[in-house]
Protein backbone atom coordinates (compact mmCIF):
# COMPACT_ATOMS: atom_id res chain seq x y z
CA ARG A 1 93.51 123.09 94.53
CA PHE A 2 93.89 120.33 91.93
CA ALA A 3 91.24 121.70 89.70
CA VAL A 4 93.44 124.98 89.50
CA SER A 5 96.96 123.44 89.31
CA VAL A 6 95.52 121.44 85.38
CA GLY A 7 94.08 124.89 84.97
CA TYR A 8 90.43 124.82 84.89
CA TRP A 9 90.31 128.60 86.30
CA LYS A 10 92.18 130.25 87.55
CA ASP A 11 92.83 130.92 91.64
CA PRO A 12 96.37 132.08 93.11
CA TYR A 13 95.58 131.91 96.46
CA ILE A 14 94.32 128.26 96.85
CA GLN A 15 97.71 126.82 97.47
CA TYR A 16 98.56 129.50 100.95
CA PHE A 17 95.36 127.21 102.02
CA VAL A 18 95.03 123.95 100.71
CA ARG A 19 98.49 121.17 100.23
CA GLN A 20 98.91 119.72 97.19
CA ALA A 21 98.36 116.21 97.10
CA LYS A 22 101.63 114.27 96.91
CA GLU A 23 99.85 112.09 94.22
CA ARG A 24 98.21 113.33 90.78
CA LYS A 25 94.72 113.29 92.33
CA ALA A 26 92.71 111.40 94.28
CA PRO A 27 90.85 108.54 92.32
CA GLU A 28 87.28 109.66 93.38
CA ILE A 29 87.77 113.34 91.63
CA ASN A 30 87.27 111.79 88.00
CA ARG A 31 86.90 114.66 85.52
CA GLY A 32 83.03 114.51 85.99
CA LYS A 33 83.47 116.30 89.62
CA LEU A 34 85.93 118.11 88.49
CA GLY A 35 83.17 119.79 85.55
CA CYS A 36 80.88 120.03 88.60
CA TYR A 37 83.69 122.42 90.08
CA TYR A 38 84.09 124.61 87.26
CA ALA A 39 80.58 125.06 86.55
CA ARG A 40 80.14 125.71 90.15
CA VAL A 41 82.71 128.31 90.67
CA HIS A 42 81.64 130.05 87.37
CA GLY A 43 78.47 129.96 87.98
CA VAL A 44 78.19 131.52 91.30
CA SER A 45 81.00 133.87 90.42
CA TYR A 46 78.57 134.79 88.32
CA LEU A 47 75.58 135.89 90.25
CA ILE A 48 78.13 137.21 92.65
CA GLN A 49 79.40 139.81 90.09
CA ALA A 50 76.29 140.79 88.92
CA PHE A 51 75.12 142.22 92.51
CA LEU A 52 78.57 143.62 92.77
CA LYS A 53 77.21 145.58 89.54
CA LYS A 54 74.09 146.81 90.96
CA THR A 55 75.35 147.81 93.71
CA GLU A 56 78.25 149.36 92.50
CA CYS A 57 80.23 147.54 95.20
CA ASN A 58 78.14 149.40 98.05
CA CYS A 59 76.56 146.67 98.88
CA GLN A 60 78.64 143.61 101.82
CA ILE A 61 78.50 139.70 101.51
CA VAL A 62 77.99 137.30 104.14
CA ASN A 63 79.68 134.06 103.14
CA LEU A 64 77.65 130.99 105.51
CA GLY A 65 80.15 128.06 105.58
CA ALA A 66 83.46 129.79 104.15
CA GLY A 67 86.36 127.31 104.79
CA MET A 68 89.31 128.32 103.12
CA ASP A 69 87.09 129.73 100.60
CA THR A 70 89.51 132.41 98.40
CA LEU A 71 86.88 134.91 97.72
CA PHE A 72 87.94 137.85 99.29
CA TRP A 73 91.13 138.46 97.88
CA ARG A 74 90.14 137.25 94.33
CA LEU A 75 87.95 140.15 94.76
CA LYS A 76 90.13 142.77 95.73
CA ASP A 77 92.68 141.56 92.71
CA GLU A 78 89.47 142.46 90.30
CA ASN A 79 88.84 145.88 92.16
CA LEU A 80 85.24 144.71 92.79
CA LEU A 81 85.83 144.58 97.13
CA PRO A 82 82.12 145.46 99.04
CA ARG A 83 82.20 147.65 101.24
CA LYS A 84 83.08 145.10 104.24
CA TYR A 85 83.33 140.96 103.03
CA PHE A 86 82.52 138.60 106.10
CA GLU A 87 83.21 134.93 106.91
CA VAL A 88 81.69 132.24 108.54
CA ASP A 89 82.86 128.83 109.63
CA PHE A 90 83.68 126.32 112.65
CA PRO A 91 86.03 128.41 115.32
CA MET A 92 88.23 125.25 114.22
CA ILE A 93 88.16 126.36 110.72
CA VAL A 94 88.40 129.62 111.42
CA ALA A 95 91.50 129.07 113.45
CA ARG A 96 92.70 127.08 111.04
CA LYS A 97 92.53 130.17 108.62
CA ILE A 98 93.57 132.62 110.79
CA HIS A 99 96.99 130.85 111.27
CA ASN A 100 97.45 130.80 107.56
CA ILE A 101 96.77 134.06 107.34
CA LYS A 102 99.33 135.40 109.61
CA SER A 103 101.81 133.54 108.71
CA LYS A 104 101.31 133.55 104.56
CA PRO A 105 101.84 137.64 102.95
CA PRO A 106 100.51 137.17 100.00
CA LEU A 107 97.04 136.69 102.37
CA SER A 108 97.73 138.82 105.30
CA LYS A 109 99.02 142.01 102.98
CA PRO A 110 95.97 142.15 100.95
CA ILE A 111 93.68 142.99 104.33
CA MET A 112 96.36 145.21 105.80
CA GLU A 113 96.32 147.02 102.09
CA SER A 114 92.77 147.10 102.26
CA HIS A 115 92.35 148.39 106.01
CA SER A 116 91.95 152.05 107.30
CA GLY A 117 91.02 153.24 110.63
CA ASP A 118 91.66 151.62 114.11
CA SER A 119 93.97 148.98 114.89
CA LEU A 120 92.73 145.67 113.23
CA LEU A 121 91.89 142.58 115.80
CA ILE A 122 92.55 139.57 115.29
CA ASP A 123 92.79 136.74 118.04
CA SER A 124 92.16 132.67 117.69
CA HIS A 125 88.79 132.67 116.66
CA SER A 126 88.18 136.23 115.03
CA LEU A 127 89.28 138.61 112.90
CA ASP A 128 88.37 141.72 112.35
CA SER A 129 89.75 144.68 109.38
CA SER A 130 87.50 147.12 107.97
CA ARG A 131 86.89 145.77 105.14
CA TYR A 132 87.46 141.46 106.08
CA SER A 133 85.97 139.41 108.86
CA LEU A 134 86.23 135.89 109.71
CA VAL A 135 84.29 135.36 112.72
CA GLY A 136 83.91 131.64 114.33
CA ALA A 137 80.16 130.39 114.82
CA ASP A 138 77.56 127.74 114.86
CA LEU A 139 75.66 128.78 111.15
CA ARG A 140 72.53 126.45 113.78
CA PHE A 141 72.31 129.20 115.89
CA SER A 142 71.15 132.61 114.48
CA SER A 143 71.03 134.84 117.16
CA ASP A 144 74.64 133.43 118.60
CA LEU A 145 75.65 134.70 115.19
CA GLU A 146 73.60 137.56 114.15
CA GLU A 147 75.37 138.83 117.67
CA LYS A 148 78.65 138.01 116.22
CA LEU A 149 78.61 139.91 113.41
CA LYS A 150 77.14 143.20 114.87
CA LYS A 151 79.87 142.54 117.02
CA HIS A 152 82.22 143.22 113.12
CA ASN A 153 79.83 146.01 111.80
CA LEU A 154 77.62 144.26 109.94
CA ASP A 155 75.22 147.28 108.59
CA THR A 156 71.71 145.50 108.56
CA HIS A 157 70.78 148.31 105.82
CA LEU A 158 73.00 147.60 102.83
CA PRO A 159 72.09 145.35 100.18
CA THR A 160 73.58 142.34 101.43
CA LEU A 161 74.59 138.83 100.15
CA LEU A 162 74.47 135.74 101.61
CA ILE A 163 76.17 132.39 100.14
CA ALA A 164 76.41 129.14 101.27
CA GLU A 165 78.59 126.52 99.28
CA CYS A 166 77.10 122.46 100.05
CA VAL A 167 76.43 124.08 103.90
CA LEU A 168 72.82 124.07 104.29
CA VAL A 169 72.74 120.30 103.03
CA TYR A 170 74.07 119.16 106.41
CA MET A 171 71.49 121.21 108.75
CA THR A 172 68.06 119.72 109.55
CA PRO A 173 65.77 121.09 107.12
CA GLN A 174 64.07 123.49 110.80
CA GLN A 175 67.65 124.66 111.07
CA SER A 176 68.28 125.69 107.50
CA ALA A 177 64.88 127.13 107.39
CA ASN A 178 65.18 129.09 110.66
CA LEU A 179 69.07 130.20 109.40
CA LEU A 180 66.87 131.64 105.55
CA LYS A 181 64.13 133.52 107.90
CA TRP A 182 67.10 134.66 110.28
CA ALA A 183 68.03 136.51 106.81
CA ALA A 184 65.17 137.82 104.91
CA SER A 185 63.99 139.27 108.10
CA THR A 186 67.30 141.09 109.02
CA PHE A 187 67.73 142.74 105.35
CA PRO A 188 65.38 144.65 103.53
CA VAL A 189 67.26 144.19 100.51
CA ALA A 190 69.36 141.02 99.98
CA MET A 191 69.98 138.27 97.68
CA PHE A 192 70.83 134.28 99.16
CA ILE A 193 72.69 132.07 96.83
CA ASN A 194 72.41 128.62 97.85
CA TYR A 195 75.15 125.57 95.83
CA GLU A 196 73.63 122.23 96.90
CA GLN A 197 72.52 118.48 95.72
CA VAL A 198 68.63 118.10 94.45
CA ASN A 199 67.21 115.43 92.47
CA MET A 200 68.42 113.06 95.62
CA THR A 201 64.93 110.81 95.49
CA ASP A 202 66.16 108.45 92.23
CA ARG A 203 68.67 105.82 92.09
CA PHE A 204 71.77 108.09 91.19
CA GLY A 205 70.40 110.31 94.09
CA GLN A 206 70.81 107.36 96.98
CA ILE A 207 73.80 105.94 95.63
CA MET A 208 75.46 109.29 96.26
CA ILE A 209 73.76 109.42 100.00
CA GLU A 210 74.78 105.77 100.29
CA ASN A 211 78.71 106.89 99.30
CA LEU A 212 78.86 109.68 101.96
CA GLN A 213 77.11 107.58 104.23
CA ARG A 214 80.10 105.28 104.47
CA ARG A 215 82.29 108.11 104.46
CA GLN A 216 80.36 108.72 108.03
CA CYS A 217 78.71 111.96 106.12
CA ASN A 218 75.67 112.57 106.97
CA LEU A 219 73.25 115.22 105.12
CA ALA A 220 71.20 115.98 107.68
CA GLY A 221 68.77 118.21 105.64
CA VAL A 222 69.12 116.33 102.73
CA GLU A 223 64.68 115.91 102.36
CA VAL A 224 64.76 119.47 101.08
CA CYS A 225 67.01 118.14 97.95
CA ARG A 226 64.45 116.35 96.42
CA SER A 227 63.53 118.59 93.45
CA LEU A 228 64.52 121.96 92.07
CA ASP A 229 61.17 123.36 92.78
CA SER A 230 61.31 122.04 96.68
CA GLN A 231 65.29 123.88 97.07
CA LYS A 232 62.39 127.08 95.53
CA GLU A 233 59.24 126.77 97.75
CA ARG A 234 61.94 126.36 100.65
CA LEU A 235 63.33 129.71 99.74
CA LEU A 236 60.29 131.21 99.34
CA LEU A 237 58.55 129.76 102.71
CA ASN A 238 61.28 131.19 104.93
CA GLY A 239 60.57 134.77 103.87
CA TRP A 240 62.31 135.17 99.95
CA GLU A 241 60.40 137.19 97.56
CA THR A 242 61.68 135.68 94.89
CA ALA A 243 63.48 132.10 94.58
CA HIS A 244 64.88 130.35 91.02
CA ALA A 245 67.05 127.41 90.90
CA ILE A 246 68.87 125.22 88.06
CA ASP A 247 70.51 122.57 87.83
CA MET A 248 74.59 122.26 86.68
CA MET A 249 73.90 121.04 83.31
CA LYS A 250 71.89 124.02 82.97
CA VAL A 251 74.72 125.82 84.41
CA TYR A 252 76.84 124.60 82.33
CA SER A 253 75.38 125.30 79.36
CA PHE A 254 75.20 128.44 79.86
CA LEU A 255 78.93 129.35 80.30
CA PRO A 256 81.25 130.01 77.46
CA GLN A 257 81.62 128.25 74.94
CA ALA A 258 84.85 128.35 74.12
CA ASP A 259 85.91 128.37 77.23
CA VAL A 260 84.03 125.25 77.91
CA LYS A 261 86.09 123.50 74.88
CA ARG A 262 89.25 124.86 76.33
CA ILE A 263 88.66 122.68 79.48
CA GLU A 264 86.97 119.64 77.93
CA GLY A 265 90.17 119.71 76.28
CA LEU A 266 91.97 119.48 79.43
CA GLU A 267 91.51 116.25 79.87
CA PHE A 268 89.62 112.87 78.62
CA LEU A 269 86.09 112.63 79.39
CA ASP A 270 85.18 109.03 79.34
CA GLU A 271 81.93 109.10 80.81
CA LYS A 272 80.18 111.13 79.04
CA GLU A 273 76.75 110.33 80.53
CA LEU A 274 78.43 109.89 84.13
CA PHE A 275 79.08 113.48 84.45
CA GLU A 276 75.63 114.88 83.41
CA GLN A 277 73.95 112.79 85.97
CA LEU A 278 76.12 114.77 88.48
CA MET A 279 75.27 117.70 86.83
CA GLN A 280 72.00 116.54 87.09
CA HIS A 281 72.12 116.22 90.84
CA TYR A 282 73.64 119.82 91.94
CA CYS A 283 72.24 122.90 91.46
CA ILE A 284 72.62 126.83 92.25
CA CYS A 285 69.17 128.45 93.41
CA TRP A 286 68.96 131.96 94.56
CA ALA A 287 66.84 134.55 95.88
CA SER A 288 65.88 138.18 96.72
CA LYS A 289 64.18 140.59 98.86
CA ASP A 290 64.00 143.74 97.63
CA SER A 291 62.44 146.57 98.87
CA SER A 292 64.68 149.76 97.26
CA ASN A 293 64.30 147.83 93.53
CA LEU A 294 67.37 146.87 92.60
C-alpha cells in the first residue's frame, strides 16, 4: 500500500483492503524493500500476462494464499480476465476479504459485472460467481483443497495457472511437495509461478531468518530455499516438466529501464549494496506441464 501511494506502480484497489499507516512508513520498509516489491509485482505480472496471451484468456487462474491480493480487479480493468479466477486462503483471511468486498462497491461491482447465470453464492467463508471465486481452505491438505475448488467449478481440463507468492516457504518441504505434486497431476496443461526466498544458507540469509524468528515468524520450508537449483529441483521432482528460477536482481535488470529510472528517482537509495543483497535472496520460479504444446 505504501509503495503504491508513493508511485512505484498503480493499484487503485489496494486502498480498499489495506489502511494507510498514519506515519509515513514503517522503519523496516526501506527503499531496498520497495524496489524488491516493485520487481516482484512486475516480474510476476509479466509471467501472468504471457500465460493469458498464450491461452487467449481461455484458461483459469488459481491464486494460492492470495491474502488481500487485487489481481482479479486489475485484470478485469485490462480486459484480461481468464474464464475463471480462484483465490484460496485460510478461512479467517477469506472472511475478512469477503467483508471488504461486500462493504466496498468498487470491489463488489466488478464481480457483479463479470457474473452471469444463476445467483451469486456468498457466505462467511466463501464467495462464488461465474468468473471469481474466493475459497477458504488449508493448502497443506490438497484433497480438501481440490474438493472445495471443484465445488466452485474448477475445470481440470482448462489450461491452469497457479500462483504462490511467499506461501510454500511457510509449509514443511513435504507439505509443499504434496501441493506441487497435486497441481502437476491434476492439470494436463499448467504453469506454476512461485515467488519466495533463495540463497538462505549464507550469512545474509541467516540474518533474515533470525529477524523473522524474533517476530514469531517461522519459515518451515526454508531448507528448499538453499539455491536456485534447489528451487528448480523441487518443481521437477514433483511432476513438472520444465522449471526455471532467477533471482530478483536478474528480474530487476530485465525490467524496462525507463521505468526503473523513474522509480529510482522516487526516493534516495543510500544502501545500494544492501538492496542488491536483498534482491539476491528472493527469486521467481516458474514451471510448466504442456500436453497440448502451448
